[in-house]
Amino acid sequence: MEESKEKEFKLIQDILDGQQDRYRILVDRYASMVFSIVGKFANRQAEREELAQQIFVKAYERLDSFKKQSKFSSWLYTLARNHCLDYAKNIRRLNKEFGEMESEELVANMKVEDLPDDDIEKEEEKAILNKALSVITPIHAEAFLMKYRDNMTYKAMAKRLDANEGALKVRVHRARKELKDYINQYN
């Protein structure tokens, strides 16, 4: 474990010393982790790819700020998460200013006539839940998705987000309350 950590620190130092082509190794190594994070914030593939690219560019530009006290994956996870939270805030602001274009676009692209009745009901429920998740507080939505979609324990969530378990339980509770309020308002 220590050996691989040291190899990664050496790789990062090589990149900082001018071997920029070696950054591709880090991108390949952590692409699935970054895509997992952006998938919680963006629905469309093109959007996810754009966010991932922005994150890797930002990580490259800030690589000299990486401190070797932590693992690179933790540093990158935090950077990606913060970037996505900023993205979510901007989307919410734009939605308030310009209306709910994204949700209208999703509904317009659905072909209801192609689905059996049970599937239509499930799709409607998913659409309502996705809409609700897009309007609640982003850190609450993130905790809710990690707990219920990703089936993570509070301990694993705490380690991933560098937060204490109690705070995460509160976030999940608040997410459930916000979702319930939104869905009750919708009905």
N, C-alpha and C. Protein backbone atom coordinates (compact mmCIF):
# COMPACT_ATOMS: atom_id res chain seq x y z
N MET A 1 0.83 -1.19 0.00
CA MET A 1 0.00 0.00 0.00
C MET A 1 0.87 1.26 0.00
N GLU A 2 1.85 1.32 0.94
CA GLU A 2 2.75 2.46 1.00
C GLU A 2 3.54 2.60 -0.29
N GLU A 3 3.92 1.46 -0.88
CA GLU A 3 4.70 1.49 -2.11
C GLU A 3 3.90 2.12 -3.24
N SER A 4 2.63 1.76 -3.37
CA SER A 4 1.82 2.32 -4.45
C SER A 4 1.57 3.81 -4.20
N LYS A 5 1.43 4.20 -2.93
CA LYS A 5 1.26 5.61 -2.59
C LYS A 5 2.51 6.39 -2.97
N GLU A 6 3.68 5.81 -2.67
CA GLU A 6 4.94 6.46 -3.03
C GLU A 6 5.10 6.56 -4.55
N LYS A 7 4.70 5.50 -5.26
CA LYS A 7 4.76 5.54 -6.72
C LYS A 7 3.86 6.64 -7.27
N GLU A 8 2.70 6.81 -6.65
CA GLU A 8 1.79 7.85 -7.10
C GLU A 8 2.37 9.24 -6.82
N PHE A 9 2.98 9.41 -5.65
CA PHE A 9 3.64 10.69 -5.34
C PHE A 9 4.75 10.97 -6.35
N LYS A 10 5.50 9.93 -6.72
CA LYS A 10 6.57 10.08 -7.72
C LYS A 10 5.98 10.49 -9.07
N LEU A 11 4.88 9.85 -9.45
CA LEU A 11 4.21 10.18 -10.71
C LEU A 11 3.77 11.65 -10.71
N ILE A 12 3.20 12.09 -9.61
CA ILE A 12 2.75 13.48 -9.50
C ILE A 12 3.95 14.42 -9.58
N GLN A 13 5.03 14.07 -8.92
CA GLN A 13 6.23 14.91 -8.99
C GLN A 13 6.78 14.96 -10.41
N ASP A 14 6.76 13.83 -11.13
CA ASP A 14 7.19 13.81 -12.54
C ASP A 14 6.36 14.78 -13.38
N ILE A 15 5.05 14.78 -13.14
CA ILE A 15 4.16 15.68 -13.88
C ILE A 15 4.50 17.13 -13.55
N LEU A 16 4.70 17.41 -12.27
CA LEU A 16 5.05 18.77 -11.85
C LEU A 16 6.41 19.20 -12.40
N ASP A 17 7.29 18.22 -12.63
CA ASP A 17 8.62 18.51 -13.17
C ASP A 17 8.62 18.65 -14.69
N GLY A 18 7.44 18.60 -15.31
CA GLY A 18 7.37 18.86 -16.74
C GLY A 18 6.96 17.70 -17.62
N GLN A 19 6.77 16.53 -17.06
CA GLN A 19 6.36 15.37 -17.87
C GLN A 19 4.83 15.30 -17.92
N GLN A 20 4.24 16.32 -18.59
CA GLN A 20 2.78 16.45 -18.62
C GLN A 20 2.08 15.24 -19.21
N ASP A 21 2.72 14.54 -20.14
CA ASP A 21 2.09 13.38 -20.77
C ASP A 21 1.77 12.28 -19.75
N ARG A 22 2.45 12.28 -18.62
CA ARG A 22 2.20 11.26 -17.59
C ARG A 22 0.90 11.52 -16.83
N TYR A 23 0.33 12.71 -17.01
CA TYR A 23 -0.95 13.01 -16.36
C TYR A 23 -2.04 12.07 -16.86
N ARG A 24 -1.90 11.58 -18.09
CA ARG A 24 -2.87 10.64 -18.66
C ARG A 24 -3.02 9.41 -17.76
N ILE A 25 -1.95 9.00 -17.10
CA ILE A 25 -2.00 7.84 -16.20
C ILE A 25 -2.99 8.11 -15.06
N LEU A 26 -2.91 9.31 -14.48
CA LEU A 26 -3.84 9.67 -13.40
C LEU A 26 -5.28 9.75 -13.91
N VAL A 27 -5.45 10.32 -15.09
CA VAL A 27 -6.79 10.43 -15.68
C VAL A 27 -7.38 9.04 -15.87
N ASP A 28 -6.61 8.14 -16.45
CA ASP A 28 -7.10 6.77 -16.67
C ASP A 28 -7.41 6.06 -15.35
N ARG A 29 -6.56 6.27 -14.37
CA ARG A 29 -6.71 5.60 -13.08
C ARG A 29 -7.97 6.07 -12.33
N TYR A 30 -8.30 7.35 -12.46
CA TYR A 30 -9.39 7.90 -11.65
C TYR A 30 -10.62 8.31 -12.45
N ALA A 31 -10.67 7.98 -13.72
CA ALA A 31 -11.82 8.37 -14.55
C ALA A 31 -13.12 7.79 -14.02
N SER A 32 -13.11 6.52 -13.63
CA SER A 32 -14.37 5.91 -13.16
C SER A 32 -14.85 6.56 -11.87
N MET A 33 -13.94 6.92 -10.98
CA MET A 33 -14.33 7.60 -9.75
C MET A 33 -14.95 8.96 -10.06
N VAL A 34 -14.31 9.71 -10.94
CA VAL A 34 -14.82 11.04 -11.29
C VAL A 34 -16.17 10.93 -11.99
N PHE A 35 -16.31 9.97 -12.90
CA PHE A 35 -17.60 9.80 -13.58
C PHE A 35 -18.69 9.37 -12.60
N SER A 36 -18.32 8.62 -11.59
CA SER A 36 -19.29 8.24 -10.57
C SER A 36 -19.80 9.47 -9.82
N ILE A 37 -18.90 10.38 -9.53
CA ILE A 37 -19.28 11.61 -8.84
C ILE A 37 -20.15 12.49 -9.73
N VAL A 38 -19.70 12.74 -10.96
CA VAL A 38 -20.47 13.64 -11.83
C VAL A 38 -21.82 13.04 -12.21
N GLY A 39 -21.91 11.72 -12.20
CA GLY A 39 -23.19 11.07 -12.50
C GLY A 39 -24.27 11.40 -11.50
N LYS A 40 -23.88 11.82 -10.31
CA LYS A 40 -24.85 12.21 -9.28
C LYS A 40 -25.39 13.61 -9.52
N PHE A 41 -24.72 14.36 -10.40
CA PHE A 41 -25.09 15.76 -10.60
C PHE A 41 -25.58 16.08 -12.01
N ALA A 42 -25.27 15.23 -12.97
CA ALA A 42 -25.64 15.52 -14.36
C ALA A 42 -26.32 14.31 -14.98
N ASN A 43 -27.38 14.56 -15.72
CA ASN A 43 -28.16 13.47 -16.32
C ASN A 43 -27.64 13.06 -17.69
N ARG A 44 -27.28 14.01 -18.50
CA ARG A 44 -26.90 13.71 -19.89
C ARG A 44 -25.42 13.33 -19.99
N GLN A 45 -25.13 12.40 -20.88
CA GLN A 45 -23.77 11.91 -21.07
C GLN A 45 -22.81 13.05 -21.43
N ALA A 46 -23.22 13.91 -22.35
CA ALA A 46 -22.35 15.01 -22.78
C ALA A 46 -22.04 15.93 -21.60
N GLU A 47 -23.01 16.14 -20.76
CA GLU A 47 -22.84 16.97 -19.57
C GLU A 47 -21.85 16.32 -18.60
N ARG A 48 -21.99 15.01 -18.41
CA ARG A 48 -21.08 14.28 -17.52
C ARG A 48 -19.65 14.33 -18.05
N GLU A 49 -19.50 14.15 -19.36
CA GLU A 49 -18.16 14.20 -19.95
C GLU A 49 -17.54 15.58 -19.80
N GLU A 50 -18.34 16.62 -20.01
CA GLU A 50 -17.85 17.99 -19.87
C GLU A 50 -17.42 18.28 -18.43
N LEU A 51 -18.24 17.86 -17.48
CA LEU A 51 -17.89 18.05 -16.07
C LEU A 51 -16.60 17.30 -15.71
N ALA A 52 -16.49 16.07 -16.16
CA ALA A 52 -15.29 15.27 -15.88
C ALA A 52 -14.06 15.95 -16.46
N GLN A 53 -14.18 16.45 -17.69
CA GLN A 53 -13.05 17.13 -18.32
C GLN A 53 -12.67 18.38 -17.52
N GLN A 54 -13.66 19.15 -17.11
CA GLN A 54 -13.38 20.35 -16.31
C GLN A 54 -12.66 19.99 -15.01
N ILE A 55 -13.09 18.90 -14.40
CA ILE A 55 -12.48 18.47 -13.14
C ILE A 55 -11.03 18.07 -13.35
N PHE A 56 -10.76 17.30 -14.40
CA PHE A 56 -9.38 16.87 -14.63
C PHE A 56 -8.49 18.05 -15.03
N VAL A 57 -9.03 19.02 -15.75
CA VAL A 57 -8.25 20.22 -16.08
C VAL A 57 -7.96 21.00 -14.80
N LYS A 58 -8.97 21.17 -13.97
CA LYS A 58 -8.79 21.88 -12.70
C LYS A 58 -7.77 21.16 -11.82
N ALA A 59 -7.85 19.83 -11.77
CA ALA A 59 -6.90 19.05 -10.96
C ALA A 59 -5.48 19.25 -11.49
N TYR A 60 -5.33 19.25 -12.80
CA TYR A 60 -4.00 19.45 -13.40
C TYR A 60 -3.46 20.83 -13.03
N GLU A 61 -4.33 21.84 -13.16
CA GLU A 61 -3.90 23.21 -12.87
C GLU A 61 -3.55 23.40 -11.40
N ARG A 62 -4.15 22.62 -10.53
CA ARG A 62 -3.93 22.76 -9.08
C ARG A 62 -3.07 21.64 -8.50
N LEU A 63 -2.46 20.86 -9.35
CA LEU A 63 -1.69 19.71 -8.89
C LEU A 63 -0.59 20.11 -7.90
N ASP A 64 -0.03 21.30 -8.08
CA ASP A 64 1.02 21.73 -7.16
C ASP A 64 0.49 22.03 -5.75
N SER A 65 -0.83 22.13 -5.60
CA SER A 65 -1.40 22.36 -4.27
C SER A 65 -1.70 21.04 -3.54
N PHE A 66 -1.51 19.91 -4.22
CA PHE A 66 -1.73 18.61 -3.58
C PHE A 66 -0.68 18.39 -2.51
N LYS A 67 -1.15 18.11 -1.31
CA LYS A 67 -0.25 17.84 -0.18
C LYS A 67 -0.16 16.34 0.01
N LYS A 68 1.04 15.87 0.20
CA LYS A 68 1.27 14.43 0.28
C LYS A 68 0.82 13.80 1.60
N GLN A 69 0.18 14.58 2.47
CA GLN A 69 -0.32 13.99 3.71
C GLN A 69 -1.55 13.12 3.45
N SER A 70 -2.27 13.42 2.37
CA SER A 70 -3.47 12.65 2.06
C SER A 70 -3.26 11.85 0.78
N LYS A 71 -4.21 10.97 0.51
CA LYS A 71 -4.14 10.21 -0.74
C LYS A 71 -4.60 11.10 -1.89
N PHE A 72 -4.04 10.89 -3.05
CA PHE A 72 -4.44 11.67 -4.22
C PHE A 72 -5.92 11.46 -4.52
N SER A 73 -6.40 10.23 -4.35
CA SER A 73 -7.81 9.94 -4.65
C SER A 73 -8.73 10.78 -3.75
N SER A 74 -8.36 10.97 -2.50
CA SER A 74 -9.17 11.80 -1.58
C SER A 74 -9.16 13.25 -2.02
N TRP A 75 -7.99 13.74 -2.40
CA TRP A 75 -7.86 15.12 -2.87
C TRP A 75 -8.69 15.33 -4.12
N LEU A 76 -8.58 14.41 -5.08
CA LEU A 76 -9.33 14.52 -6.33
C LEU A 76 -10.82 14.39 -6.09
N TYR A 77 -11.22 13.49 -5.20
CA TYR A 77 -12.64 13.32 -4.88
C TYR A 77 -13.21 14.63 -4.34
N THR A 78 -12.50 15.26 -3.42
CA THR A 78 -12.97 16.52 -2.83
C THR A 78 -13.06 17.60 -3.89
N LEU A 79 -12.05 17.70 -4.74
CA LEU A 79 -12.06 18.69 -5.81
C LEU A 79 -13.25 18.45 -6.74
N ALA A 80 -13.48 17.20 -7.13
CA ALA A 80 -14.58 16.86 -8.05
C ALA A 80 -15.93 17.15 -7.40
N ARG A 81 -16.06 16.76 -6.16
CA ARG A 81 -17.32 16.98 -5.43
C ARG A 81 -17.63 18.47 -5.33
N ASN A 82 -16.64 19.27 -4.96
CA ASN A 82 -16.85 20.71 -4.84
C ASN A 82 -17.19 21.34 -6.19
N HIS A 83 -16.52 20.88 -7.24
CA HIS A 83 -16.81 21.38 -8.58
C HIS A 83 -18.26 21.06 -8.95
N CYS A 84 -18.69 19.86 -8.66
CA CYS A 84 -20.07 19.44 -8.98
C CYS A 84 -21.09 20.19 -8.14
N LEU A 85 -20.77 20.44 -6.88
CA LEU A 85 -21.69 21.22 -6.03
C LEU A 85 -21.85 22.64 -6.58
N ASP A 86 -20.74 23.23 -7.03
CA ASP A 86 -20.82 24.56 -7.67
C ASP A 86 -21.66 24.50 -8.93
N TYR A 87 -21.46 23.45 -9.70
CA TYR A 87 -22.24 23.25 -10.93
C TYR A 87 -23.73 23.16 -10.59
N ALA A 88 -24.07 22.38 -9.57
CA ALA A 88 -25.47 22.21 -9.17
C ALA A 88 -26.08 23.54 -8.73
N LYS A 89 -25.31 24.34 -7.98
CA LYS A 89 -25.81 25.65 -7.57
C LYS A 89 -26.10 26.53 -8.78
N ASN A 90 -25.19 26.50 -9.75
CA ASN A 90 -25.39 27.31 -10.96
C ASN A 90 -26.61 26.85 -11.75
N ILE A 91 -26.80 25.54 -11.84
CA ILE A 91 -27.97 25.00 -12.55
C ILE A 91 -29.25 25.43 -11.84
N ARG A 92 -29.26 25.34 -10.53
CA ARG A 92 -30.45 25.75 -9.77
C ARG A 92 -30.73 27.24 -9.99
N ARG A 93 -29.68 28.05 -9.99
CA ARG A 93 -29.85 29.49 -10.20
C ARG A 93 -30.40 29.76 -11.60
N LEU A 94 -29.83 29.09 -12.60
CA LEU A 94 -30.30 29.26 -13.98
C LEU A 94 -31.74 28.78 -14.14
N ASN A 95 -32.07 27.66 -13.49
CA ASN A 95 -33.44 27.16 -13.57
C ASN A 95 -34.43 28.16 -12.99
N LYS A 96 -34.04 28.82 -11.92
CA LYS A 96 -34.92 29.83 -11.34
C LYS A 96 -35.07 31.01 -12.29
N GLU A 97 -33.97 31.38 -12.96
CA GLU A 97 -34.01 32.53 -13.86
C GLU A 97 -34.73 32.23 -15.16
N PHE A 98 -34.51 31.06 -15.72
CA PHE A 98 -35.00 30.77 -17.06
C PHE A 98 -36.07 29.69 -17.11
N GLY A 99 -36.54 29.23 -15.98
CA GLY A 99 -37.55 28.17 -15.97
C GLY A 99 -36.89 26.82 -15.93
N GLU A 100 -37.69 25.82 -15.91
CA GLU A 100 -37.22 24.45 -15.75
C GLU A 100 -36.97 23.79 -17.10
N MET A 101 -36.04 24.35 -17.88
CA MET A 101 -35.78 23.85 -19.23
C MET A 101 -35.34 22.39 -19.25
N GLU A 102 -34.43 22.04 -18.33
CA GLU A 102 -33.89 20.68 -18.35
C GLU A 102 -34.98 19.64 -18.10
N SER A 103 -35.83 19.87 -17.11
CA SER A 103 -36.87 18.90 -16.82
C SER A 103 -37.89 18.85 -17.95
N GLU A 104 -38.17 20.00 -18.59
CA GLU A 104 -39.07 20.00 -19.74
C GLU A 104 -38.46 19.22 -20.89
N GLU A 105 -37.16 19.37 -21.07
CA GLU A 105 -36.46 18.65 -22.13
C GLU A 105 -36.51 17.14 -21.88
N LEU A 106 -36.32 16.73 -20.63
CA LEU A 106 -36.40 15.31 -20.29
C LEU A 106 -37.79 14.75 -20.58
N VAL A 107 -38.80 15.49 -20.21
CA VAL A 107 -40.17 15.04 -20.45
C VAL A 107 -40.45 14.98 -21.95
N ALA A 108 -39.96 15.96 -22.70
CA ALA A 108 -40.19 15.99 -24.14
C ALA A 108 -39.54 14.80 -24.84
N ASN A 109 -38.42 14.33 -24.32
CA ASN A 109 -37.70 13.23 -24.95
C ASN A 109 -38.26 11.86 -24.57
N MET A 110 -39.12 11.81 -23.57
CA MET A 110 -39.72 10.53 -23.18
C MET A 110 -40.76 10.13 -24.21
N LYS A 111 -40.77 8.87 -24.56
CA LYS A 111 -41.76 8.34 -25.49
C LYS A 111 -42.70 7.45 -24.69
N VAL A 112 -43.70 8.05 -24.13
CA VAL A 112 -44.62 7.35 -23.23
C VAL A 112 -45.34 6.21 -23.94
N GLU A 113 -45.67 6.42 -25.20
CA GLU A 113 -46.42 5.39 -25.92
C GLU A 113 -45.63 4.10 -26.08
N ASP A 114 -44.32 4.15 -25.90
CA ASP A 114 -43.48 2.97 -26.04
C ASP A 114 -43.43 2.12 -24.77
N LEU A 115 -43.97 2.63 -23.68
CA LEU A 115 -43.84 1.95 -22.39
C LEU A 115 -45.14 1.29 -21.96
N PRO A 116 -45.07 0.10 -21.36
CA PRO A 116 -46.26 -0.49 -20.75
C PRO A 116 -46.72 0.38 -19.58
N ASP A 117 -47.98 0.20 -19.15
CA ASP A 117 -48.55 1.04 -18.09
C ASP A 117 -47.72 1.03 -16.81
N ASP A 118 -47.24 -0.15 -16.37
CA ASP A 118 -46.43 -0.22 -15.14
C ASP A 118 -45.14 0.58 -15.31
N ASP A 119 -44.53 0.47 -16.49
CA ASP A 119 -43.29 1.20 -16.75
C ASP A 119 -43.54 2.70 -16.79
N ILE A 120 -44.69 3.10 -17.34
CA ILE A 120 -45.02 4.52 -17.38
C ILE A 120 -45.10 5.07 -15.96
N GLU A 121 -45.77 4.32 -15.08
CA GLU A 121 -45.90 4.74 -13.69
C GLU A 121 -44.52 4.85 -13.03
N LYS A 122 -43.65 3.86 -13.26
CA LYS A 122 -42.30 3.89 -12.69
C LYS A 122 -41.51 5.07 -13.26
N GLU A 123 -41.64 5.31 -14.56
CA GLU A 123 -40.94 6.44 -15.18
C GLU A 123 -41.43 7.76 -14.60
N GLU A 124 -42.73 7.88 -14.38
CA GLU A 124 -43.27 9.10 -13.78
C GLU A 124 -42.73 9.29 -12.37
N GLU A 125 -42.67 8.20 -11.60
CA GLU A 125 -42.13 8.28 -10.25
C GLU A 125 -40.65 8.66 -10.28
N LYS A 126 -39.89 8.06 -11.20
CA LYS A 126 -38.47 8.40 -11.33
C LYS A 126 -38.30 9.86 -11.72
N ALA A 127 -39.14 10.33 -12.65
CA ALA A 127 -39.05 11.73 -13.10
C ALA A 127 -39.33 12.67 -11.93
N ILE A 128 -40.34 12.35 -11.13
CA ILE A 128 -40.67 13.18 -9.97
C ILE A 128 -39.50 13.18 -8.97
N LEU A 129 -38.95 11.99 -8.70
CA LEU A 129 -37.83 11.89 -7.77
C LEU A 129 -36.61 12.64 -8.29
N ASN A 130 -36.28 12.46 -9.58
CA ASN A 130 -35.14 13.17 -10.16
C ASN A 130 -35.33 14.67 -10.09
N LYS A 131 -36.53 15.13 -10.37
CA LYS A 131 -36.83 16.56 -10.30
C LYS A 131 -36.66 17.03 -8.86
N ALA A 132 -37.20 16.27 -7.92
CA ALA A 132 -37.10 16.63 -6.51
C ALA A 132 -35.63 16.69 -6.08
N LEU A 133 -34.84 15.71 -6.51
CA LEU A 133 -33.41 15.70 -6.16
C LEU A 133 -32.68 16.89 -6.75
N SER A 134 -33.16 17.40 -7.88
CA SER A 134 -32.48 18.54 -8.51
C SER A 134 -32.82 19.87 -7.83
N VAL A 135 -33.89 19.91 -7.03
CA VAL A 135 -34.26 21.17 -6.40
C VAL A 135 -33.92 21.23 -4.91
N ILE A 136 -33.63 20.08 -4.29
CA ILE A 136 -33.28 20.13 -2.87
C ILE A 136 -31.82 20.55 -2.72
N THR A 137 -31.42 20.83 -1.51
CA THR A 137 -30.05 21.26 -1.22
C THR A 137 -29.06 20.22 -1.75
N PRO A 138 -28.07 20.65 -2.56
CA PRO A 138 -27.15 19.68 -3.20
C PRO A 138 -26.43 18.75 -2.23
N ILE A 139 -25.97 19.26 -1.08
CA ILE A 139 -25.25 18.35 -0.17
C ILE A 139 -26.20 17.34 0.46
N HIS A 140 -27.47 17.70 0.60
CA HIS A 140 -28.45 16.75 1.11
C HIS A 140 -28.74 15.69 0.05
N ALA A 141 -28.90 16.12 -1.19
CA ALA A 141 -29.16 15.18 -2.29
C ALA A 141 -27.99 14.21 -2.44
N GLU A 142 -26.77 14.74 -2.34
CA GLU A 142 -25.59 13.89 -2.48
C GLU A 142 -25.58 12.80 -1.40
N ALA A 143 -25.83 13.18 -0.16
CA ALA A 143 -25.84 12.21 0.94
C ALA A 143 -26.97 11.19 0.74
N PHE A 144 -28.13 11.64 0.33
CA PHE A 144 -29.27 10.76 0.08
C PHE A 144 -28.93 9.72 -0.99
N LEU A 145 -28.33 10.18 -2.10
CA LEU A 145 -27.98 9.26 -3.19
C LEU A 145 -26.91 8.27 -2.76
N MET A 146 -25.93 8.73 -2.00
CA MET A 146 -24.88 7.82 -1.54
C MET A 146 -25.48 6.74 -0.64
N LYS A 147 -26.42 7.14 0.21
CA LYS A 147 -27.03 6.20 1.15
C LYS A 147 -27.96 5.22 0.46
N TYR A 148 -28.84 5.72 -0.39
CA TYR A 148 -29.91 4.87 -0.93
C TYR A 148 -29.65 4.34 -2.34
N ARG A 149 -29.00 5.11 -3.19
CA ARG A 149 -28.72 4.60 -4.52
C ARG A 149 -27.45 3.76 -4.53
N ASP A 150 -26.42 4.29 -3.85
CA ASP A 150 -25.12 3.61 -3.84
C ASP A 150 -25.00 2.60 -2.69
N ASN A 151 -26.00 2.55 -1.81
CA ASN A 151 -26.02 1.62 -0.66
C ASN A 151 -24.78 1.72 0.21
N MET A 152 -24.29 2.93 0.43
CA MET A 152 -23.11 3.13 1.25
C MET A 152 -23.50 3.22 2.72
N THR A 153 -22.62 2.75 3.58
CA THR A 153 -22.83 2.91 5.01
C THR A 153 -22.45 4.35 5.38
N TYR A 154 -22.92 4.79 6.55
CA TYR A 154 -22.55 6.13 7.00
C TYR A 154 -21.04 6.23 7.22
N LYS A 155 -20.44 5.14 7.64
CA LYS A 155 -18.99 5.12 7.86
C LYS A 155 -18.25 5.33 6.53
N ALA A 156 -18.68 4.63 5.49
CA ALA A 156 -18.05 4.78 4.17
C ALA A 156 -18.29 6.18 3.61
N MET A 157 -19.50 6.68 3.83
CA MET A 157 -19.81 8.04 3.37
C MET A 157 -18.92 9.06 4.08
N ALA A 158 -18.75 8.88 5.39
CA ALA A 158 -17.93 9.81 6.18
C ALA A 158 -16.50 9.82 5.68
N LYS A 159 -15.99 8.65 5.37
CA LYS A 159 -14.62 8.55 4.86
C LYS A 159 -14.50 9.23 3.50
N ARG A 160 -15.46 8.97 2.62
CA ARG A 160 -15.44 9.53 1.26
C ARG A 160 -15.56 11.05 1.26
N LEU A 161 -16.44 11.57 2.13
CA LEU A 161 -16.72 13.01 2.14
C LEU A 161 -15.92 13.79 3.18
N ASP A 162 -15.13 13.06 3.97
CA ASP A 162 -14.37 13.68 5.04
C ASP A 162 -15.30 14.48 5.96
N ALA A 163 -16.36 13.81 6.41
CA ALA A 163 -17.35 14.41 7.30
C ALA A 163 -17.65 13.40 8.40
N ASN A 164 -18.25 13.86 9.50
CA ASN A 164 -18.57 12.88 10.54
C ASN A 164 -19.92 12.23 10.25
N GLU A 165 -20.08 11.03 10.80
CA GLU A 165 -21.28 10.23 10.52
C GLU A 165 -22.55 10.93 10.98
N GLY A 166 -22.50 11.60 12.11
CA GLY A 166 -23.68 12.30 12.62
C GLY A 166 -24.17 13.37 11.65
N ALA A 167 -23.22 14.12 11.10
CA ALA A 167 -23.59 15.17 10.14
C ALA A 167 -24.23 14.55 8.90
N LEU A 168 -23.73 13.40 8.48
CA LEU A 168 -24.29 12.75 7.30
C LEU A 168 -25.68 12.20 7.56
N LYS A 169 -25.90 11.70 8.77
CA LYS A 169 -27.25 11.24 9.13
C LYS A 169 -28.23 12.41 9.08
N VAL A 170 -27.79 13.57 9.55
CA VAL A 170 -28.63 14.77 9.50
C VAL A 170 -28.91 15.15 8.05
N ARG A 171 -27.88 15.10 7.19
CA ARG A 171 -28.08 15.44 5.77
C ARG A 171 -29.09 14.51 5.11
N VAL A 172 -28.98 13.21 5.39
CA VAL A 172 -29.91 12.25 4.80
C VAL A 172 -31.32 12.51 5.33
N HIS A 173 -31.43 12.76 6.62
CA HIS A 173 -32.74 13.06 7.21
C HIS A 173 -33.34 14.31 6.56
N ARG A 174 -32.53 15.35 6.41
CA ARG A 174 -33.03 16.58 5.80
C ARG A 174 -33.40 16.37 4.34
N ALA A 175 -32.63 15.54 3.65
CA ALA A 175 -32.96 15.23 2.25
C ALA A 175 -34.31 14.54 2.18
N ARG A 176 -34.53 13.56 3.05
CA ARG A 176 -35.84 12.87 3.06
C ARG A 176 -36.97 13.85 3.33
N LYS A 177 -36.75 14.77 4.27
CA LYS A 177 -37.78 15.76 4.59
C LYS A 177 -38.03 16.68 3.39
N GLU A 178 -36.95 17.18 2.77
CA GLU A 178 -37.10 18.05 1.60
C GLU A 178 -37.80 17.32 0.46
N LEU A 179 -37.42 16.06 0.24
CA LEU A 179 -38.05 15.27 -0.82
C LEU A 179 -39.53 15.06 -0.53
N LYS A 180 -39.84 14.73 0.72
CA LYS A 180 -41.24 14.52 1.11
C LYS A 180 -42.04 15.80 0.89
N ASP A 181 -41.49 16.93 1.31
CA ASP A 181 -42.18 18.21 1.14
C ASP A 181 -42.40 18.51 -0.34
N TYR A 182 -41.37 18.27 -1.15
CA TYR A 182 -41.49 18.54 -2.59
C TYR A 182 -42.54 17.63 -3.22
N ILE A 183 -42.49 16.35 -2.91
CA ILE A 183 -43.42 15.39 -3.52
C ILE A 183 -44.85 15.67 -3.06
N ASN A 184 -45.03 16.03 -1.78
CA ASN A 184 -46.37 16.40 -1.30
C ASN A 184 -46.88 17.64 -2.02
N GLN A 185 -46.00 18.56 -2.28
CA GLN A 185 -46.36 19.77 -3.02
C GLN A 185 -46.71 19.43 -4.46
N TYR A 186 -46.00 18.47 -5.03
CA TYR A 186 -46.23 18.04 -6.42
C TYR A 186 -47.59 17.40 -6.58
N ASN A 187 -47.98 16.58 -5.60
CA ASN A 187 -49.28 15.88 -5.65
C ASN A 187 -50.32 16.83 -5.26
